[in-house]
C-alpha cells in the first residue's frame, strides 16, 4: 500500500539500459511488476507514439516518473512539475544526484526537494542513502515511501551493509513502505532485502544488463517472493553452538 493505493507485486522495475524497447517490454511482462519507473527526460512528451511509452501498457502498469539526471533540488522540482503538467502523474520518484561520479544521492537537496513537492501535493518516493537520520527527515516531511540504496547504482554489489537498512526499516516501523532501491545484483540480494523486512525492491540494471533479461526478471520476482515468505515465516536465530537436527530422546540405547 503506497499513499492509499494497493499493489500486489513487491517488485518495482526500471526501464533503462535495455538493448531494445521490445526486450524491455518482454522483461516487464516476465517480472510481474505493477510499478514501472521511467526517467522524465527519456520521454518524448510531444510524440508519445515514438517514445518508450509506446512499449508500456499503461492499462497494466502504474507509471512512476523519476527525476534521474537532476543534480539540484531546483532541477528535480522543475522536472516533477513538467511531468505532472504533461499528464504523466503527480507521483514522482525523486532523485537528486550531484555530478561527482559516485551516483550517490545528495541528502540535503533530496530533503529540500521532497519538502517542496509534498507541499505541492505530489506523492514523493525519494531515493536516498542508507543513513537513518536522512530517512527520518524524509519521513517527517511527508514522503510516501523511503527508498534507501542497497549499494551504489549499477554496481550490483548487493547489500553490503544490511544492518544499516534494518535500522531504517525498524525506525520507519511500517508508517510508510521501505523500498530497497539500487545495487541489487542477483535474486539472492532481492531475497535478502525482503528477509530484512523491506516492503519492496526496485531493480533495473541487474535485469536489463543480464545475459537474459526476461529470465532474470522472472528470477528476481521469485527472489522477492521467497524473501517475503521467509520474513513472514521467521528465520531461526543464529547461534555459536551446533545442535543436532534429529531429536536425541528415544534413540536405541538411550534412557527412556
Foldseek 3Di string as FASTA:
>chain_A
DFPPDDDDAQEEEEQPQAPDLVLSLLLVVLLPDAEYEYELVQAPLVCNCPGSVVSDDVVRHQYEYEPPPAAALVSQLVSLVVCVVSPNALEYAYAHAHPPPQQAGDLVRQLVSLLVSVVVVRAYEYEHALALVSVVSSVVSPHREYEHECGTAPPLQARPDLVSNLVNCVVCVPVHAYEHEHNNQALQSLLVSLLSPGSHYYDYNNLRVDPRNNVRSNSNSVSNVNSNVCNVVDDDDDDPDDDDPDDPPPDVPDDD
